C-alpha atoms as a PDB file:
ATOM      1  CA  UNK A   1       0.029   0.080   0.082  1.00  0.00           C
ATOM      2  CA  UNK A   2       1.207   3.376  -0.763  1.00  0.00           C
ATOM      3  CA  UNK A   3       0.324   6.916   0.377  1.00  0.00           C
ATOM      4  CA  UNK A   4       1.291  10.518  -0.349  1.00  0.00           C
ATOM      5  CA  UNK A   5       1.216  13.090   2.157  1.00  0.00           C
ATOM      6  CA  UNK A   6      -1.001  15.887   1.622  1.00  0.00           C
ATOM      7  CA  UNK A   7      -0.236  19.528   1.981  1.00  0.00           C
ATOM      8  CA  UNK A   8      -1.170  19.022   5.693  1.00  0.00           C
ATOM      9  CA  UNK A   9       2.569  17.586   6.185  1.00  0.00           C
ATOM     10  CA  UNK A  10       4.078  21.004   5.522  1.00  0.00           C
ATOM     11  CA  UNK A  11       3.836  24.056   7.667  1.00  0.00           C
ATOM     12  CA  UNK A  12       2.708  26.470   5.130  1.00  0.00           C
ATOM     13  CA  UNK A  13      -0.051  23.756   4.430  1.00  0.00           C
ATOM     14  CA  UNK A  14      -0.985  23.565   7.782  1.00  0.00           C
ATOM     15  CA  UNK A  15      -1.105  27.524   8.100  1.00  0.00           C
ATOM     16  CA  UNK A  16      -3.437  27.443   5.104  1.00  0.00           C
ATOM     17  CA  UNK A  17      -5.565  24.663   6.442  1.00  0.00           C
ATOM     18  CA  UNK A  18      -5.884  26.647   9.869  1.00  0.00           C
ATOM     19  CA  UNK A  19      -6.986  29.842   8.001  1.00  0.00           C
ATOM     20  CA  UNK A  20      -9.428  27.641   5.793  1.00  0.00           C
ATOM     21  CA  UNK A  21     -11.165  26.521   8.925  1.00  0.00           C
ATOM     22  CA  UNK A  22     -10.967  29.830  10.836  1.00  0.00           C
ATOM     23  CA  UNK A  23     -14.561  31.002  10.315  1.00  0.00           C
ATOM     24  CA  UNK A  24     -16.823  28.296  11.165  1.00  0.00           C
ATOM     25  CA  UNK A  25     -20.183  30.205  10.109  1.00  0.00           C
ATOM     26  CA  UNK A  26     -22.170  28.307   7.289  1.00  0.00           C
ATOM     27  CA  UNK A  27     -24.680  30.780   5.860  1.00  0.00           C
ATOM     28  CA  UNK A  28     -27.839  29.172   4.565  1.00  0.00           C
ATOM     29  CA  UNK A  29     -26.471  25.820   5.567  1.00  0.00           C
ATOM     30  CA  UNK A  30     -23.841  25.856   2.810  1.00  0.00           C
ATOM     31  CA  UNK A  31     -20.011  25.832   2.826  1.00  0.00           C
ATOM     32  CA  UNK A  32     -18.126  27.616   5.471  1.00  0.00           C
ATOM     33  CA  UNK A  33     -17.351  31.271   4.966  1.00  0.00           C
ATOM     34  CA  UNK A  34     -13.696  30.678   5.513  1.00  0.00           C
ATOM     35  CA  UNK A  35     -13.646  28.267   2.419  1.00  0.00           C
ATOM     36  CA  UNK A  36     -13.456  31.477   0.384  1.00  0.00           C
ATOM     37  CA  UNK A  37      -9.697  31.827   1.728  1.00  0.00           C
ATOM     38  CA  UNK A  38      -9.299  28.609  -0.123  1.00  0.00           C
ATOM     39  CA  UNK A  39     -10.171  30.246  -3.300  1.00  0.00           C
ATOM     40  CA  UNK A  40      -7.989  33.251  -2.531  1.00  0.00           C
ATOM     41  CA  UNK A  41      -5.101  30.981  -1.639  1.00  0.00           C
ATOM     42  CA  UNK A  42      -4.942  29.012  -4.840  1.00  0.00           C
ATOM     43  CA  UNK A  43      -2.134  30.702  -6.580  1.00  0.00           C
ATOM     44  CA  UNK A  44      -0.056  29.712  -3.416  1.00  0.00           C
ATOM     45  CA  UNK A  45      -1.697  26.252  -2.900  1.00  0.00           C
ATOM     46  CA  UNK A  46      -1.224  24.797  -6.270  1.00  0.00           C
ATOM     47  CA  UNK A  47       2.203  25.109  -6.652  1.00  0.00           C
ATOM     48  CA  UNK A  48       3.027  23.805  -3.260  1.00  0.00           C
ATOM     49  CA  UNK A  49       0.891  20.873  -4.263  1.00  0.00           C
ATOM     50  CA  UNK A  50       2.980  20.065  -7.387  1.00  0.00           C
ATOM     51  CA  UNK A  51       6.331  20.949  -5.779  1.00  0.00           C
ATOM     52  CA  UNK A  52       5.361  18.456  -3.091  1.00  0.00           C
ATOM     53  CA  UNK A  53       4.535  15.559  -5.516  1.00  0.00           C
ATOM     54  CA  UNK A  54       7.829  15.999  -7.515  1.00  0.00           C
ATOM     55  CA  UNK A  55      10.040  16.586  -4.567  1.00  0.00           C
ATOM     56  CA  UNK A  56       8.217  15.404  -1.373  1.00  0.00           C
ATOM     57  CA  UNK A  57       8.040  11.931   0.040  1.00  0.00           C
ATOM     58  CA  UNK A  58       5.795   8.866  -0.462  1.00  0.00           C
ATOM     59  CA  UNK A  59       4.821   6.081   2.313  1.00  0.00           C
ATOM     60  CA  UNK A  60       4.969   2.499   1.405  1.00  0.00           C
ATOM     61  CA  UNK A  61       3.569  -0.326   3.480  1.00  0.00           C
ATOM     62  CA  UNK A  62       4.888  -3.890   2.684  1.00  0.00           C
ATOM     63  CA  UNK A  63       4.752  -7.186   4.077  1.00  0.00           C
ATOM     64  CA  UNK A  64       8.098  -6.740   6.064  1.00  0.00           C
ATOM     65  CA  UNK A  65       8.393  -3.101   7.027  1.00  0.00           C
ATOM     66  CA  UNK A  66       6.893   0.732   6.507  1.00  0.00           C
ATOM     67  CA  UNK A  67       9.131   2.825   4.241  1.00  0.00           C
ATOM     68  CA  UNK A  68       9.605   6.327   3.449  1.00  0.00           C
ATOM     69  CA  UNK A  69      10.768   6.887  -0.138  1.00  0.00           C
ATOM     70  CA  UNK A  70      11.267  10.112  -2.243  1.00  0.00           C
ATOM     71  CA  UNK A  71       8.538  11.107  -4.492  1.00  0.00           C
ATOM     72  CA  UNK A  72      10.424  10.203  -7.581  1.00  0.00           C
ATOM     73  CA  UNK A  73      11.291   6.866  -6.245  1.00  0.00           C
ATOM     74  CA  UNK A  74      14.992   7.280  -6.457  1.00  0.00           C
ATOM     75  CA  UNK A  75      15.874   6.562  -2.803  1.00  0.00           C
ATOM     76  CA  UNK A  76      14.566   5.264   0.405  1.00  0.00           C
ATOM     77  CA  UNK A  77      14.717   7.690   3.192  1.00  0.00           C
ATOM     78  CA  UNK A  78      13.962   5.419   6.236  1.00  0.00           C
ATOM     79  CA  UNK A  79      12.383   2.067   6.905  1.00  0.00           C
ATOM     80  CA  UNK A  80      10.950   0.371  10.171  1.00  0.00           C
ATOM     81  CA  UNK A  81      10.392  -3.232  10.387  1.00  0.00           C
ATOM     82  CA  UNK A  82       6.983  -4.359  11.134  1.00  0.00           C
ATOM     83  CA  UNK A  83       8.294  -6.476  14.111  1.00  0.00           C
ATOM     84  CA  UNK A  84       9.574  -3.325  15.805  1.00  0.00           C
ATOM     85  CA  UNK A  85       6.275  -1.645  15.694  1.00  0.00           C
ATOM     86  CA  UNK A  86       4.104  -1.948  19.074  1.00  0.00           C
ATOM     87  CA  UNK A  87       1.645   0.630  18.453  1.00  0.00           C
ATOM     88  CA  UNK A  88       0.461   3.120  15.782  1.00  0.00           C
ATOM     89  CA  UNK A  89      -0.896   6.548  17.003  1.00  0.00           C
ATOM     90  CA  UNK A  90      -2.819   9.264  15.130  1.00  0.00           C
ATOM     91  CA  UNK A  91      -2.087  12.965  16.085  1.00  0.00           C
ATOM     92  CA  UNK A  92      -4.199  15.525  14.061  1.00  0.00           C
ATOM     93  CA  UNK A  93      -2.956  19.225  14.291  1.00  0.00           C
ATOM     94  CA  UNK A  94      -5.167  22.221  14.102  1.00  0.00           C
ATOM     95  CA  UNK A  95      -4.030  22.972  10.626  1.00  0.00           C
ATOM     96  CA  UNK A  96      -4.819  19.334   9.186  1.00  0.00           C
ATOM     97  CA  UNK A  97      -8.652  19.307   9.945  1.00  0.00           C
ATOM     98  CA  UNK A  98      -9.398  20.951   6.325  1.00  0.00           C
ATOM     99  CA  UNK A  99      -7.317  18.273   4.564  1.00  0.00           C
ATOM    100  CA  UNK A 100      -8.774  15.471   6.744  1.00  0.00           C
ATOM    101  CA  UNK A 101      -5.225  14.462   7.589  1.00  0.00           C
ATOM    102  CA  UNK A 102      -3.138  13.545  10.328  1.00  0.00           C
ATOM    103  CA  UNK A 103       0.463  12.480  11.428  1.00  0.00           C
ATOM    104  CA  UNK A 104       0.797   8.740  12.055  1.00  0.00           C
ATOM    105  CA  UNK A 105       3.438   7.896  14.920  1.00  0.00           C
ATOM    106  CA  UNK A 106       4.915   4.297  14.839  1.00  0.00           C
ATOM    107  CA  UNK A 107       5.950   3.649  18.338  1.00  0.00           C
ATOM    108  CA  UNK A 108       8.281   0.938  19.680  1.00  0.00           C
ATOM    109  CA  UNK A 109       7.241  -1.366  22.680  1.00  0.00           C
ATOM    110  CA  UNK A 110       9.213   1.006  24.760  1.00  0.00           C
ATOM    111  CA  UNK A 111       6.933   3.884  23.803  1.00  0.00           C
ATOM    112  CA  UNK A 112       9.258   5.616  21.792  1.00  0.00           C
ATOM    113  CA  UNK A 113       8.520   6.924  18.345  1.00  0.00           C
ATOM    114  CA  UNK A 114      10.501   5.204  15.730  1.00  0.00           C
ATOM    115  CA  UNK A 115       8.935   6.980  12.538  1.00  0.00           C
ATOM    116  CA  UNK A 116       6.576   9.736  12.059  1.00  0.00           C
ATOM    117  CA  UNK A 117       4.408   9.748   8.771  1.00  0.00           C
ATOM    118  CA  UNK A 118       3.336  13.357   8.320  1.00  0.00           C
ATOM    119  CA  UNK A 119       0.094  14.695   6.915  1.00  0.00           C
ATOM    120  CA  UNK A 120      -1.429  11.362   5.723  1.00  0.00           C
ATOM    121  CA  UNK A 121      -4.637  11.949   3.982  1.00  0.00           C
ATOM    122  CA  UNK A 122      -7.495   9.667   5.508  1.00  0.00           C
ATOM    123  CA  UNK A 123      -5.239   8.449   8.305  1.00  0.00           C
ATOM    124  CA  UNK A 124      -7.786   5.887   9.648  1.00  0.00           C
ATOM    125  CA  UNK A 125      -7.318   3.459   6.698  1.00  0.00           C
ATOM    126  CA  UNK A 126      -3.533   3.531   6.553  1.00  0.00           C
ATOM    127  CA  UNK A 127      -3.301   3.231  10.378  1.00  0.00           C
ATOM    128  CA  UNK A 128      -5.801   0.166  10.117  1.00  0.00           C
ATOM    129  CA  UNK A 129      -3.513  -1.223   7.044  1.00  0.00           C
ATOM    130  CA  UNK A 130      -0.480  -0.932   9.085  1.00  0.00           C
ATOM    131  CA  UNK A 131      -1.920  -2.288  12.234  1.00  0.00           C
ATOM    132  CA  UNK A 132      -3.543  -5.515  10.282  1.00  0.00           C
ATOM    133  CA  UNK A 133      -0.060  -6.046   8.587  1.00  0.00           C
ATOM    134  CA  UNK A 134       1.722  -5.756  11.749  1.00  0.00           C
ATOM    135  CA  UNK A 135      -0.723  -8.349  13.734  1.00  0.00           C
ATOM    136  CA  UNK A 136      -0.358 -10.637  10.561  1.00  0.00           C
ATOM    137  CA  UNK A 137       3.393 -10.782  10.623  1.00  0.00           C
ATOM    138  CA  UNK A 138       3.452 -11.310  14.245  1.00  0.00           C
ATOM    139  CA  UNK A 139       1.052 -14.291  13.843  1.00  0.00           C
ATOM    140  CA  UNK A 140       3.191 -15.792  10.758  1.00  0.00           C
ATOM    141  CA  UNK A 141       6.408 -15.338  13.026  1.00  0.00           C
ATOM    142  CA  UNK A 142       4.843 -17.145  15.962  1.00  0.00           C
ATOM    143  CA  UNK A 143       3.688 -20.031  13.502  1.00  0.00           C
ATOM    144  CA  UNK A 144       7.010 -20.126  12.036  1.00  0.00           C
ATOM    145  CA  UNK A 145       8.617 -20.270  15.528  1.00  0.00           C
ATOM    146  CA  UNK A 146       6.355 -22.929  16.394  1.00  0.00           C
ATOM    147  CA  UNK A 147       7.087 -25.066  13.321  1.00  0.00           C
ATOM    148  CA  UNK A 148      10.778 -24.631  13.985  1.00  0.00           C
ATOM    149  CA  UNK A 149      10.570 -25.784  17.802  1.00  0.00           C
ATOM    150  CA  UNK A 150       9.063 -28.962  16.577  1.00  0.00           C
ATOM    151  CA  UNK A 151      12.150 -30.049  14.548  1.00  0.00           C
END
């Protein structure tokens, strides 16, 4: 599974997201008044989006680890083995609400954060995928250990 971070992964993106959620009024039950700021910020947001897609990062979940790659797929930035992950925690900052994004923290058994995936769009599904893959990997390893112990 692969995810690209949203603009909510950057400081400027979070500032824009915070600005877009600033005025919660909904006249006549329509969109929020502050969404007008999104139209005004389009000349800034659009280039940021394309720069991030060209020079940012992407997150990859495999059956063995969680990897962070450059967006152009030229090199791996970091990697964490599934066996090292004890917990997956979501943290949503105020500027990420507009984008429906959160940071995903992968934690070791000691409680130490071993990797942070910033600004993941629809983070619940990616968190669920990581959790299910970690659990599956643990069950497979336990089965392999049990088979090896029989010999």
